Amino acid sequence: MPSTPAPSPPAPHPKQPEGAVTVGIDFGTLSGRAVVVRVSDGAELASAVHPYPHGVVDHTLPATGAALPPDWALQMPGDWIEVLKVAVPKAVAAAGVDPRDVIGIATDFTASTVLPTLTDGTPLCELPEFAYRPHAYPKLWKHHAAQGQADRINRVAAERGEAWLARYGGRISSEWEFAKALQLLEEDPGVYARTERWVEAADWIIWRLSGTYVRNACVVGYKGIYQDGRHPDRDYLAALNPDFADFVSDKLEHPIAQLGERAGGLTAEAAAWTGLPEGIAVAVGNLDAHATVPAANALEPGQLVAIMGTSTCHVMLGERLAEVPGMCGVVDGGVLRGTWGYEAGQSGVGDIFGWFVETSVPPEYHQRAAERGIDVHDLLTELAAQQQVGEHGLVALDWHSGNRSVLVDHELSGVIVGQTLATRPEHTYRALLEATAFGTRTIIEAFEASGVPVRELVVAGGLLKNRFLMQLYADVCDMPLSTIVSEQGPALGAAIHAAVAAGAYPDVRAAAAAMGGSHRNAYTPDPQRARAYDALYAEYRRLHDYFGRGENDVLHRLRAIRREAVSK
């Protein structure tokens, strides 16, 4: 894979042939989805999903069967390539289009999913001498084993008065590039020394498609501590670890491109994988949540887009720069060129509901659901919807996968308060649904307290199908809730960027107006339920601050006890 110093210039804007389509590929946590989209109006003609054969590697290393430590989460680069080989041709065939009508391709990815490579892009885990070393593999976004390094990154930055820290709400996450790289250095210096490029998967897949390695402005800003044209300086990095001083210059720095730009043309190798024409436009990389914003055509300030799935990412545009405590970041051009993009998030949402069903729901509930031909989640939702607000007598903290915003602490864990012998699974299930809504309300209030108003909640993602959950969010947040038209928001967003890279539209805003959209005010808050939820939310915030802001560090102590026990 040749490395080129800069992206090719933007393509011209010729009149596209009638029937032109683009392909958007959403690389998620467990699978990749390809969607074929008509350029003229955003109609989704067909899609195809390919599950990753290895899924999330969080228990044992496939090459050796060796157990991984707690809080590790890896992936296999070959699984991503299989998505190109399987899902793309399948989607194009299902759409019934001539591959020659495809004018561009683009992707979105989870982040920060990051991997060490050679200069030509070869992942170190694919070298025989490194196949048995866990640090040679891509670290998935939900790899939280670098919390100690993240804590030091934050402490040293605060002590030195680093100006960039406030742009990230005062805390850098263990999920991001620098914490994971520092963990690599300190736990496997041999792999670190061999690392020639520290690459986001969002950019690595574009490298494989186009032959061009270019970093995208979104991931660089949100996950790579890039503000005002630079990364943290050498002196700061040396203060973290003397051997980390040259990390940026030696392994990270590379040309940066704006969203919607053309990274290059589809290589002959990638054309053979996908069945698409060689040379068509390949857009620069993007992140899943951020690509969804134009898919919802939610590009006005105050429209907070919540992409709800296993986790939730909250993304919003702003006209001015504000530093919001506990946010994942504010980046110039991070979502749309020429505007400030704000990001917040919750590390566990759908994952929490899934965990509860898998571990805590008695067999008779599964049997009842099976007899009716419905999913057990649907059954629990029905039973939860029959309750009055507060009837279960519970309050939960949605920290089963740590807290991304506003505490930025992945050493925290879930809490459920108020259980009695009368507590039923549907009571706990509803309390967990409410906890995630309370987490979103906490994020909204943090924005508004910092002078960044939120006037509309726009929801995308797999959890849209739960209508009771959507109404619950509208009631808890006391705010109208709109829903994205597309069921494949990230992939549609990628296809929109592909259309811009191919020259079909002059910019992302114009493409979003034609190809994206949302159902405005699909849910409106019920005043009575909203007032009832205020009382429960007040209890949530008391627990939130008690366990999350240092008054009682029992959750951290329990995590340390668990880690020590597992290591034995």
Protein backbone atom coordinates (compact mmCIF):
# COMPACT_ATOMS: atom_id res chain seq x y z
CA MET A 1 0.00 0.00 0.00
CA PRO A 2 1.89 3.10 -1.17
CA SER A 3 1.87 6.11 1.11
CA THR A 4 1.25 9.46 -0.55
CA PRO A 5 1.88 12.77 1.15
CA ALA A 6 -1.50 14.44 0.57
CA PRO A 7 -5.01 13.80 -0.73
CA SER A 8 -5.76 14.43 -4.37
CA PRO A 9 -7.49 17.75 -5.09
CA PRO A 10 -11.27 17.91 -4.91
CA ALA A 11 -12.98 16.48 -7.97
CA PRO A 12 -14.80 18.85 -10.35
CA HIS A 13 -18.58 19.01 -10.29
CA PRO A 14 -19.71 17.53 -13.61
CA LYS A 15 -23.32 16.63 -14.30
CA GLN A 16 -23.65 13.08 -13.05
CA PRO A 17 -25.29 10.44 -15.22
CA GLU A 18 -28.91 9.61 -14.53
CA GLY A 19 -29.14 6.81 -11.98
CA ALA A 20 -25.79 7.59 -10.35
CA VAL A 21 -25.34 5.91 -6.97
CA THR A 22 -22.78 5.86 -4.20
CA VAL A 23 -21.87 3.18 -1.67
CA GLY A 24 -21.58 3.92 2.03
CA ILE A 25 -20.05 1.38 4.39
CA ASP A 26 -20.62 1.49 8.13
CA PHE A 27 -17.95 -0.41 10.08
CA GLY A 28 -19.59 -1.09 13.43
CA THR A 29 -18.59 -2.99 16.54
CA LEU A 30 -19.74 -6.44 15.40
CA SER A 31 -20.30 -6.13 11.65
CA GLY A 32 -19.98 -3.99 8.56
CA ARG A 33 -22.95 -2.80 6.52
CA ALA A 34 -22.85 -1.59 2.90
CA VAL A 35 -25.69 0.57 1.56
CA VAL A 36 -26.28 1.56 -2.06
CA VAL A 37 -27.78 5.06 -2.25
CA ARG A 38 -29.22 7.02 -5.17
CA VAL A 39 -27.40 10.32 -5.45
CA SER A 40 -30.34 12.40 -6.65
CA ASP A 41 -32.56 11.91 -3.60
CA GLY A 42 -30.81 9.66 -1.05
CA ALA A 43 -33.07 6.66 -1.68
CA GLU A 44 -31.50 3.55 -0.19
CA LEU A 45 -31.75 0.90 -2.89
CA ALA A 46 -30.30 -2.05 -0.98
CA SER A 47 -27.98 -2.99 1.85
CA ALA A 48 -26.00 -6.00 2.99
CA VAL A 49 -24.42 -6.89 6.33
CA HIS A 50 -21.36 -9.02 6.95
CA PRO A 51 -20.67 -10.00 10.58
CA TYR A 52 -17.02 -9.92 11.59
CA PRO A 53 -15.88 -13.56 11.88
CA HIS A 54 -13.93 -12.75 15.06
CA GLY A 55 -16.39 -10.17 16.45
CA VAL A 56 -14.95 -8.36 19.46
CA VAL A 57 -11.77 -10.04 20.70
CA ASP A 58 -12.10 -9.50 24.44
CA HIS A 59 -11.49 -12.88 26.05
CA THR A 60 -8.74 -14.77 24.24
CA LEU A 61 -6.28 -13.96 21.48
CA PRO A 62 -7.26 -15.93 18.35
CA ALA A 63 -3.68 -16.70 17.35
CA THR A 64 -2.78 -18.39 20.64
CA GLY A 65 -5.88 -18.83 22.76
CA ALA A 66 -4.14 -16.89 25.54
CA ALA A 67 -6.49 -15.06 27.92
CA LEU A 68 -6.69 -11.29 27.63
CA PRO A 69 -6.62 -9.07 30.75
CA PRO A 70 -9.76 -7.30 32.00
CA ASP A 71 -11.10 -4.34 30.00
CA TRP A 72 -9.35 -5.34 26.77
CA ALA A 73 -11.18 -5.21 23.42
CA LEU A 74 -9.40 -5.92 20.13
CA GLN A 75 -10.36 -6.54 16.52
CA MET A 76 -8.94 -8.26 13.45
CA PRO A 77 -8.13 -6.12 10.38
CA GLY A 78 -8.92 -9.01 8.07
CA ASP A 79 -12.52 -8.90 9.24
CA TRP A 80 -12.85 -5.36 7.89
CA ILE A 81 -11.48 -6.37 4.48
CA GLU A 82 -14.03 -9.20 4.33
CA VAL A 83 -16.79 -6.59 4.56
CA LEU A 84 -15.46 -5.03 1.33
CA LYS A 85 -15.31 -8.41 -0.37
CA VAL A 86 -18.71 -9.71 0.77
CA ALA A 87 -21.11 -6.92 1.75
CA VAL A 88 -20.37 -4.45 -1.05
CA PRO A 89 -20.90 -6.84 -4.00
CA LYS A 90 -23.97 -8.31 -2.28
CA ALA A 91 -25.52 -4.86 -1.74
CA VAL A 92 -24.82 -3.74 -5.32
CA ALA A 93 -26.35 -6.95 -6.69
CA ALA A 94 -29.42 -6.59 -4.46
CA ALA A 95 -29.88 -3.00 -5.61
CA GLY A 96 -30.02 -4.14 -9.21
CA VAL A 97 -27.74 -1.37 -10.39
CA ASP A 98 -24.95 -1.55 -12.89
CA PRO A 99 -21.67 -1.27 -10.96
CA ARG A 100 -20.62 1.30 -13.56
CA ASP A 101 -23.27 3.63 -12.12
CA VAL A 102 -21.39 3.78 -8.80
CA ILE A 103 -19.53 7.09 -8.78
CA GLY A 104 -18.07 7.06 -5.27
CA ILE A 105 -17.53 5.09 -2.10
CA ALA A 106 -17.04 6.20 1.50
CA THR A 107 -16.89 4.66 4.94
CA ASP A 108 -17.48 5.44 8.57
CA PHE A 109 -15.91 3.67 11.54
CA THR A 110 -16.08 3.27 15.28
CA ALA A 111 -13.54 5.35 17.18
CA SER A 112 -11.11 5.45 18.61
CA THR A 113 -10.33 2.11 17.02
CA VAL A 114 -6.61 2.37 16.38
CA LEU A 115 -3.83 0.07 15.24
CA PRO A 116 -0.03 -0.02 14.87
CA THR A 117 1.26 -0.48 11.32
CA LEU A 118 4.37 -0.33 9.20
CA THR A 119 4.95 2.61 6.87
CA ASP A 120 3.12 0.81 4.08
CA GLY A 121 0.07 0.21 6.28
CA THR A 122 0.68 -3.44 7.13
CA PRO A 123 -0.85 -4.12 10.57
CA LEU A 124 1.78 -5.42 12.98
CA CYS A 125 -0.55 -8.23 14.04
CA GLU A 126 -0.24 -9.66 10.52
CA LEU A 127 3.52 -10.08 10.91
CA PRO A 128 4.34 -13.62 12.15
CA GLU A 129 6.67 -12.36 14.87
CA PHE A 130 3.90 -10.25 16.42
CA ALA A 131 0.85 -12.49 15.99
CA TYR A 132 1.06 -13.66 19.61
CA ARG A 133 1.40 -10.18 21.14
CA PRO A 134 -1.96 -8.54 22.01
CA HIS A 135 -0.62 -5.00 21.67
CA ALA A 136 0.05 -5.62 17.97
CA TYR A 137 -3.69 -5.79 17.26
CA PRO A 138 -6.20 -2.99 16.70
CA LYS A 139 -7.63 -1.69 19.95
CA LEU A 140 -11.38 -1.29 19.61
CA TRP A 141 -13.12 1.85 20.88
CA LYS A 142 -14.37 -0.07 23.93
CA HIS A 143 -10.86 -1.09 24.98
CA HIS A 144 -10.73 0.55 28.43
CA ALA A 145 -7.51 -0.93 29.79
CA ALA A 146 -5.61 2.35 29.33
CA GLN A 147 -7.45 4.19 32.10
CA GLY A 148 -4.26 4.57 34.16
CA GLN A 149 -2.52 6.23 31.22
CA ALA A 150 -5.55 8.46 30.62
CA ASP A 151 -5.50 9.54 34.26
CA ARG A 152 -1.84 10.56 33.92
CA ILE A 153 -2.51 12.37 30.62
CA ASN A 154 -5.18 14.42 32.38
CA ARG A 155 -3.22 15.04 35.58
CA VAL A 156 -0.05 16.19 33.81
CA ALA A 157 -2.02 18.37 31.40
CA ALA A 158 -3.83 20.05 34.29
CA GLU A 159 -0.58 20.58 36.21
CA ARG A 160 1.08 22.15 33.16
CA GLY A 161 -1.97 24.25 32.24
CA GLU A 162 -2.25 22.77 28.76
CA ALA A 163 -4.76 24.96 26.91
CA TRP A 164 -6.15 22.10 24.80
CA LEU A 165 -7.49 20.20 27.82
CA ALA A 166 -10.53 22.45 28.18
CA ARG A 167 -11.56 21.70 24.59
CA TYR A 168 -12.18 18.12 25.77
CA GLY A 169 -14.20 19.03 28.82
CA GLY A 170 -11.14 18.76 31.06
CA ARG A 171 -10.64 15.01 30.59
CA ILE A 172 -9.04 12.85 27.89
CA SER A 173 -10.65 9.41 27.61
CA SER A 174 -8.96 6.04 27.90
CA GLU A 175 -10.74 5.18 24.63
CA TRP A 176 -8.67 7.65 22.58
CA GLU A 177 -5.43 7.60 20.62
CA PHE A 178 -2.93 8.96 23.13
CA ALA A 179 -3.94 6.82 26.11
CA LYS A 180 -3.87 3.65 24.02
CA ALA A 181 -0.51 4.56 22.50
CA LEU A 182 0.99 5.30 25.92
CA GLN A 183 -0.28 1.95 27.17
CA LEU A 184 1.39 0.29 24.18
CA LEU A 185 4.72 1.98 24.97
CA GLU A 186 4.64 1.08 28.63
CA GLU A 187 3.36 -2.49 28.36
CA ASP A 188 5.04 -3.70 25.15
CA PRO A 189 7.89 -1.37 24.19
CA GLY A 190 9.03 -3.83 21.50
CA VAL A 191 5.78 -3.48 19.56
CA TYR A 192 5.86 0.28 20.14
CA ALA A 193 9.36 0.50 18.72
CA ARG A 194 8.30 -1.42 15.61
CA THR A 195 5.24 0.80 15.12
CA GLU A 196 5.90 3.17 12.23
CA ARG A 197 2.34 4.53 11.96
CA TRP A 198 -0.30 4.78 14.69
CA VAL A 199 -3.42 4.72 12.51
CA GLU A 200 -7.12 5.13 13.14
CA ALA A 201 -9.12 2.33 11.54
CA ALA A 202 -11.27 5.05 9.95
CA ASP A 203 -8.22 6.14 7.96
CA TRP A 204 -6.67 2.68 7.53
CA ILE A 205 -9.65 1.36 5.57
CA ILE A 206 -9.52 4.39 3.24
CA TRP A 207 -5.80 3.70 2.81
CA ARG A 208 -6.68 0.20 1.65
CA LEU A 209 -9.38 1.46 -0.71
CA SER A 210 -7.51 4.37 -2.29
CA GLY A 211 -3.81 3.66 -1.76
CA THR A 212 -3.59 7.03 0.02
CA TYR A 213 -2.95 7.49 3.72
CA VAL A 214 -4.55 10.70 4.87
CA ARG A 215 -5.98 11.48 8.30
CA ASN A 216 -9.50 12.88 8.47
CA ALA A 217 -10.24 16.11 10.33
CA CYS A 218 -12.96 14.48 12.43
CA VAL A 219 -10.96 11.73 14.10
CA VAL A 220 -7.84 13.89 14.38
CA GLY A 221 -9.74 16.49 16.35
CA TYR A 222 -11.92 14.33 18.59
CA LYS A 223 -9.64 11.38 19.26
CA GLY A 224 -6.18 12.74 18.48
CA ILE A 225 -5.98 15.92 20.64
CA TYR A 226 -5.52 18.18 17.62
CA GLN A 227 -6.47 21.80 18.26
CA ASP A 228 -5.52 25.07 16.59
CA GLY A 229 -3.37 23.29 14.04
CA ARG A 230 -1.23 21.15 16.33
CA HIS A 231 -1.03 18.17 18.65
CA PRO A 232 0.35 18.36 22.23
CA ASP A 233 4.00 19.39 22.10
CA ARG A 234 7.12 17.35 22.72
CA ASP A 235 7.74 18.72 26.20
CA TYR A 236 4.33 17.63 27.38
CA LEU A 237 4.73 14.15 25.88
CA ALA A 238 8.14 13.79 27.55
CA ALA A 239 6.55 14.70 30.87
CA LEU A 240 4.23 11.71 30.45
CA ASN A 241 7.14 9.39 29.65
CA PRO A 242 10.54 10.36 28.24
CA ASP A 243 10.24 7.63 25.60
CA PHE A 244 6.92 9.13 24.47
CA ALA A 245 8.42 12.49 23.54
CA ASP A 246 8.58 11.80 19.79
CA PHE A 247 5.28 9.93 19.48
CA VAL A 248 3.60 12.64 17.43
CA SER A 249 6.47 13.33 15.05
CA ASP A 250 7.54 9.71 14.62
CA LYS A 251 4.27 7.79 14.52
CA LEU A 252 1.23 10.05 14.32
CA GLU A 253 1.68 13.16 12.19
CA HIS A 254 0.46 12.93 8.60
CA PRO A 255 -1.49 15.13 6.16
CA ILE A 256 -5.05 15.96 7.25
CA ALA A 257 -8.04 16.26 4.92
CA GLN A 258 -11.48 17.76 5.45
CA LEU A 259 -14.68 15.74 5.46
CA GLY A 260 -16.16 15.28 2.00
CA GLU A 261 -12.82 15.61 0.23
CA ARG A 262 -11.55 12.99 -2.20
CA ALA A 263 -8.77 10.85 -0.75
CA GLY A 264 -8.06 9.25 -4.11
CA GLY A 265 -9.42 6.81 -6.63
CA LEU A 266 -10.39 3.19 -5.99
CA THR A 267 -7.33 1.00 -6.51
CA ALA A 268 -7.30 -2.00 -8.80
CA GLU A 269 -7.01 -4.28 -5.77
CA ALA A 270 -9.99 -2.70 -4.03
CA ALA A 271 -11.97 -2.72 -7.30
CA ALA A 272 -11.42 -6.48 -7.48
CA TRP A 273 -12.61 -6.87 -3.87
CA THR A 274 -15.76 -4.81 -4.29
CA GLY A 275 -16.66 -5.32 -7.94
CA LEU A 276 -16.75 -1.53 -8.41
CA PRO A 277 -15.01 0.45 -11.15
CA GLU A 278 -11.36 1.27 -10.61
CA GLY A 279 -10.71 4.97 -10.12
CA ILE A 280 -14.07 6.06 -8.70
CA ALA A 281 -13.92 8.60 -5.89
CA VAL A 282 -13.00 7.43 -2.41
CA ALA A 283 -13.92 10.00 0.25
CA VAL A 284 -11.68 10.61 3.25
CA GLY A 285 -12.57 8.66 6.37
CA ASN A 286 -15.20 9.59 8.91
CA LEU A 287 -16.61 8.42 12.24
CA ASP A 288 -19.94 6.65 12.55
CA ALA A 289 -21.78 9.13 14.76
CA HIS A 290 -20.46 12.21 13.01
CA ALA A 291 -21.39 10.88 9.57
CA THR A 292 -24.95 10.43 10.80
CA VAL A 293 -25.54 14.16 11.33
CA PRO A 294 -25.84 15.01 7.61
CA ALA A 295 -27.85 11.80 7.09
CA ALA A 296 -30.44 13.32 9.45
CA ASN A 297 -29.97 16.73 7.80
CA ALA A 298 -29.57 18.07 11.33
CA LEU A 299 -27.01 20.73 10.52
CA GLU A 300 -28.43 23.68 12.41
CA PRO A 301 -27.14 24.81 15.82
CA GLY A 302 -29.16 23.35 18.70
CA GLN A 303 -30.03 20.07 16.97
CA LEU A 304 -28.43 17.43 19.19
CA VAL A 305 -28.14 14.16 17.27
CA ALA A 306 -28.07 11.06 19.50
CA ILE A 307 -26.91 7.95 17.68
CA MET A 308 -28.28 5.21 19.92
CA GLY A 309 -27.03 1.65 19.70
CA THR A 310 -24.72 -0.37 21.93
CA SER A 311 -23.50 3.04 23.09
CA THR A 312 -24.76 6.54 22.36
CA CYS A 313 -22.81 9.36 20.77
CA HIS A 314 -24.24 12.89 20.94
CA VAL A 315 -23.15 15.28 18.21
CA MET A 316 -24.21 18.89 17.62
CA LEU A 317 -23.09 21.89 15.60
CA GLY A 318 -22.44 25.28 17.14
CA GLU A 319 -21.84 28.74 15.71
CA ARG A 320 -19.20 29.60 18.28
CA LEU A 321 -16.56 27.95 20.42
CA ALA A 322 -17.51 27.07 23.99
CA GLU A 323 -15.66 24.82 26.40
CA VAL A 324 -18.16 22.40 27.96
CA PRO A 325 -17.03 20.38 31.01
CA GLY A 326 -17.10 16.64 30.50
CA MET A 327 -17.56 16.71 26.73
CA CYS A 328 -15.65 14.46 24.35
CA GLY A 329 -14.52 17.48 22.42
CA VAL A 330 -15.29 20.53 20.35
CA VAL A 331 -13.56 20.58 16.95
CA ASP A 332 -13.46 23.13 14.15
CA GLY A 333 -14.74 21.26 11.09
CA GLY A 334 -15.15 18.06 13.04
CA VAL A 335 -18.63 17.42 11.60
CA LEU A 336 -19.13 20.08 8.93
CA ARG A 337 -16.52 22.33 7.44
CA GLY A 338 -16.70 25.88 8.75
CA THR A 339 -18.60 25.10 11.96
CA TRP A 340 -17.75 23.92 15.45
CA GLY A 341 -18.77 20.36 16.13
CA TYR A 342 -19.50 19.21 19.69
CA GLU A 343 -19.38 15.58 20.81
CA ALA A 344 -20.51 13.87 23.98
CA GLY A 345 -21.47 10.28 24.66
CA GLN A 346 -22.54 7.39 26.85
CA SER A 347 -20.34 4.29 26.79
CA GLY A 348 -23.16 1.86 27.45
CA VAL A 349 -26.81 1.99 26.36
CA GLY A 350 -28.03 -0.94 24.26
CA ASP A 351 -25.15 -2.94 25.73
CA ILE A 352 -26.70 -2.45 29.18
CA PHE A 353 -30.12 -3.63 28.07
CA GLY A 354 -28.53 -6.64 26.38
CA TRP A 355 -26.44 -7.47 29.43
CA PHE A 356 -29.51 -7.44 31.66
CA VAL A 357 -31.49 -9.74 29.36
CA GLU A 358 -28.58 -12.15 28.97
CA THR A 359 -27.71 -12.38 32.66
CA SER A 360 -30.71 -11.50 34.80
CA VAL A 361 -34.00 -12.40 33.10
CA PRO A 362 -35.54 -15.70 34.23
CA PRO A 363 -36.24 -18.47 31.68
CA GLU A 364 -40.01 -18.06 31.99
CA TYR A 365 -39.77 -14.59 30.42
CA HIS A 366 -37.90 -16.01 27.46
CA GLN A 367 -40.51 -18.72 27.19
CA ARG A 368 -43.39 -16.20 27.25
CA ALA A 369 -41.71 -14.17 24.53
CA ALA A 370 -41.08 -17.26 22.40
CA GLU A 371 -44.71 -18.36 22.70
CA ARG A 372 -45.80 -14.98 21.35
CA GLY A 373 -43.14 -14.90 18.66
CA ILE A 374 -41.52 -11.73 19.97
CA ASP A 375 -38.13 -10.82 21.34
CA VAL A 376 -37.69 -10.80 25.12
CA HIS A 377 -36.74 -7.11 24.89
CA ASP A 378 -40.15 -6.46 23.36
CA LEU A 379 -41.84 -8.36 26.18
CA LEU A 380 -39.94 -6.43 28.86
CA THR A 381 -40.72 -3.16 27.11
CA GLU A 382 -44.44 -3.97 27.07
CA LEU A 383 -44.37 -4.78 30.79
CA ALA A 384 -42.31 -1.67 31.55
CA ALA A 385 -44.76 0.52 29.65
CA GLN A 386 -47.61 -0.62 31.91
CA GLN A 387 -45.94 0.98 34.95
CA GLN A 388 -46.47 4.50 36.20
CA VAL A 389 -43.44 6.76 36.49
CA GLY A 390 -41.65 5.79 39.72
CA GLU A 391 -43.82 2.74 40.37
CA HIS A 392 -40.78 0.44 40.44
CA GLY A 393 -39.13 2.43 43.24
CA LEU A 394 -35.71 2.22 41.58
CA VAL A 395 -32.96 4.50 40.35
CA ALA A 396 -30.02 3.18 38.32
CA LEU A 397 -26.70 4.62 37.18
CA ASP A 398 -25.91 3.79 33.54
CA TRP A 399 -22.20 3.15 34.07
CA HIS A 400 -21.94 -0.55 33.31
CA SER A 401 -19.35 0.32 30.66
CA GLY A 402 -18.00 3.34 32.50
CA ASN A 403 -18.96 6.97 31.99
CA ARG A 404 -17.95 8.84 28.85
CA SER A 405 -19.78 12.13 29.54
CA VAL A 406 -19.79 14.10 31.68
CA LEU A 407 -17.45 12.36 34.13
CA VAL A 408 -15.09 10.75 31.56
CA ASP A 409 -14.23 7.88 33.89
CA HIS A 410 -14.24 4.28 32.70
CA GLU A 411 -13.40 2.96 36.16
CA LEU A 412 -16.98 3.65 37.22
CA SER A 413 -19.55 0.85 37.18
CA GLY A 414 -23.32 0.38 37.24
CA VAL A 415 -25.49 0.90 40.30
CA ILE A 416 -29.17 -0.02 40.97
CA VAL A 417 -30.75 1.39 44.13
CA GLY A 418 -34.11 0.52 45.68
CA GLN A 419 -34.51 -3.17 44.91
CA THR A 420 -36.78 -5.23 47.18
CA LEU A 421 -38.18 -8.75 47.13
CA ALA A 422 -41.07 -7.32 45.11
CA THR A 423 -38.76 -6.07 42.32
CA ARG A 424 -39.48 -7.82 39.03
CA PRO A 425 -37.29 -7.96 35.90
CA GLU A 426 -39.53 -5.47 34.09
CA HIS A 427 -39.03 -3.02 36.97
CA THR A 428 -35.25 -3.21 36.68
CA TYR A 429 -35.43 -3.11 32.89
CA ARG A 430 -37.42 0.12 32.98
CA ALA A 431 -35.03 1.61 35.54
CA LEU A 432 -32.13 0.87 33.17
CA LEU A 433 -33.97 2.46 30.24
CA GLU A 434 -34.59 5.53 32.39
CA ALA A 435 -30.98 5.64 33.55
CA THR A 436 -29.73 6.05 29.98
CA ALA A 437 -32.27 8.82 29.41
CA PHE A 438 -31.11 10.52 32.61
CA GLY A 439 -27.55 10.29 31.28
CA THR A 440 -28.59 12.08 28.10
CA ARG A 441 -30.38 14.77 30.13
CA THR A 442 -27.20 15.28 32.15
CA ILE A 443 -25.32 15.89 28.90
CA ILE A 444 -27.96 18.33 27.63
CA GLU A 445 -27.82 20.30 30.88
CA ALA A 446 -24.02 20.47 30.69
CA PHE A 447 -24.27 21.97 27.20
CA GLU A 448 -26.86 24.53 28.24
CA ALA A 449 -24.97 25.51 31.39
CA SER A 450 -22.00 26.37 29.16
CA GLY A 451 -24.01 28.57 26.83
CA VAL A 452 -24.62 25.98 24.11
CA PRO A 453 -28.41 25.69 23.87
CA VAL A 454 -30.10 22.44 22.86
CA ARG A 455 -33.55 22.89 21.31
CA GLU A 456 -34.20 19.54 19.67
CA LEU A 457 -33.15 15.94 20.21
CA VAL A 458 -32.71 14.01 16.94
CA VAL A 459 -32.34 10.25 17.36
CA ALA A 460 -30.73 7.76 14.99
CA GLY A 461 -29.54 4.19 15.42
CA GLY A 462 -30.91 0.77 16.15
CA LEU A 463 -32.80 1.72 19.31
CA LEU A 464 -35.22 3.85 17.28
CA LYS A 465 -37.40 0.76 16.91
CA ASN A 466 -38.31 0.93 20.62
CA ARG A 467 -41.11 3.49 20.53
CA PHE A 468 -41.62 3.36 24.29
CA LEU A 469 -37.94 4.22 24.81
CA MET A 470 -38.21 7.16 22.42
CA GLN A 471 -41.22 8.57 24.27
CA LEU A 472 -39.41 8.02 27.56
CA TYR A 473 -36.47 10.12 26.30
CA ALA A 474 -38.83 12.90 25.21
CA ASP A 475 -40.48 12.87 28.64
CA VAL A 476 -37.24 12.70 30.65
CA CYS A 477 -35.54 15.44 28.64
CA ASP A 478 -38.81 17.42 28.35
CA MET A 479 -37.96 18.14 24.74
CA PRO A 480 -39.37 17.31 21.30
CA LEU A 481 -37.67 14.30 19.77
CA SER A 482 -37.19 13.91 16.03
CA THR A 483 -36.17 10.68 14.31
CA ILE A 484 -33.92 10.13 11.33
CA VAL A 485 -35.68 8.88 8.20
CA SER A 486 -33.00 6.33 7.39
CA GLU A 487 -32.53 3.11 9.32
CA GLN A 488 -28.89 3.16 8.22
CA GLY A 489 -27.80 6.62 9.34
CA PRO A 490 -24.02 6.16 9.45
CA ALA A 491 -23.88 4.34 6.10
CA LEU A 492 -26.17 6.92 4.48
CA GLY A 493 -23.96 9.66 5.91
CA ALA A 494 -20.93 7.96 4.37
CA ALA A 495 -22.75 7.76 1.02
CA ILE A 496 -23.52 11.49 1.25
CA HIS A 497 -19.81 12.22 1.70
CA ALA A 498 -19.05 9.93 -1.23
CA ALA A 499 -21.39 11.98 -3.42
CA VAL A 500 -19.55 15.16 -2.45
CA ALA A 501 -16.15 13.56 -3.08
CA ALA A 502 -17.39 12.45 -6.51
CA GLY A 503 -18.45 15.99 -7.39
CA ALA A 504 -22.21 15.40 -7.44
CA TYR A 505 -22.75 18.19 -4.88
CA PRO A 506 -20.62 21.22 -4.05
CA ASP A 507 -20.51 20.49 -0.31
CA VAL A 508 -21.89 18.30 2.46
CA ARG A 509 -24.66 20.73 3.41
CA ALA A 510 -26.08 20.66 -0.13
CA ALA A 511 -25.81 16.89 -0.32
CA ALA A 512 -27.49 16.47 3.06
CA ALA A 513 -30.42 18.67 1.99
CA ALA A 514 -31.04 16.39 -0.99
CA MET A 515 -30.14 12.99 0.43
CA GLY A 516 -30.81 13.18 4.20
CA GLY A 517 -33.78 13.92 6.41
CA SER A 518 -35.65 13.40 9.68
CA HIS A 519 -39.21 13.19 10.96
CA ARG A 520 -39.55 16.41 12.95
CA ASN A 521 -41.14 16.22 16.41
CA ALA A 522 -42.01 12.55 16.05
CA TYR A 523 -42.37 12.42 19.86
CA THR A 524 -43.38 15.26 22.14
CA PRO A 525 -43.10 15.25 25.94
CA ASP A 526 -46.09 14.54 28.12
CA PRO A 527 -46.16 17.36 30.73
CA GLN A 528 -47.39 15.13 33.56
CA ARG A 529 -44.76 12.43 33.00
CA ALA A 530 -42.07 15.05 32.51
CA ARG A 531 -42.81 16.55 35.94
CA ALA A 532 -42.87 13.09 37.53
CA TYR A 533 -39.50 12.31 36.00
CA ASP A 534 -38.01 15.47 37.49
CA ALA A 535 -38.19 13.83 40.93
CA LEU A 536 -36.50 10.63 39.78
CA TYR A 537 -33.88 12.59 37.88
CA ALA A 538 -33.04 14.57 41.02
CA GLU A 539 -32.27 11.27 42.76
CA TYR A 540 -30.20 10.14 39.78
CA ARG A 541 -28.11 13.31 39.99
CA ARG A 542 -27.54 12.83 43.73
CA LEU A 543 -26.23 9.32 43.11
CA HIS A 544 -24.32 10.51 40.03
CA ASP A 545 -22.38 13.08 42.03
CA TYR A 546 -22.01 10.91 45.15
CA PHE A 547 -20.42 7.98 43.32
CA GLY A 548 -18.92 9.86 40.38
CA ARG A 549 -17.38 13.03 41.77
CA GLY A 550 -15.26 11.67 44.59
CA GLU A 551 -17.52 11.74 47.63
CA ASN A 552 -17.49 7.96 47.75
CA ASP A 553 -14.88 6.13 45.63
CA VAL A 554 -16.28 2.68 46.32
CA LEU A 555 -16.75 1.96 42.60
CA HIS A 556 -13.07 2.62 41.94
CA ARG A 557 -12.08 0.46 44.91
CA LEU A 558 -14.27 -2.39 43.76
CA ARG A 559 -12.76 -2.19 40.27
CA ALA A 560 -9.27 -2.42 41.78
CA ILE A 561 -10.25 -5.39 43.92
CA ARG A 562 -11.72 -7.14 40.88
CA ARG A 563 -8.65 -6.45 38.76
CA GLU A 564 -6.36 -7.88 41.43
CA ALA A 565 -8.52 -10.97 41.85
CA VAL A 566 -8.69 -11.64 38.10
CA SER A 567 -4.94 -11.23 37.72
CA LYS A 568 -4.41 -14.03 40.23
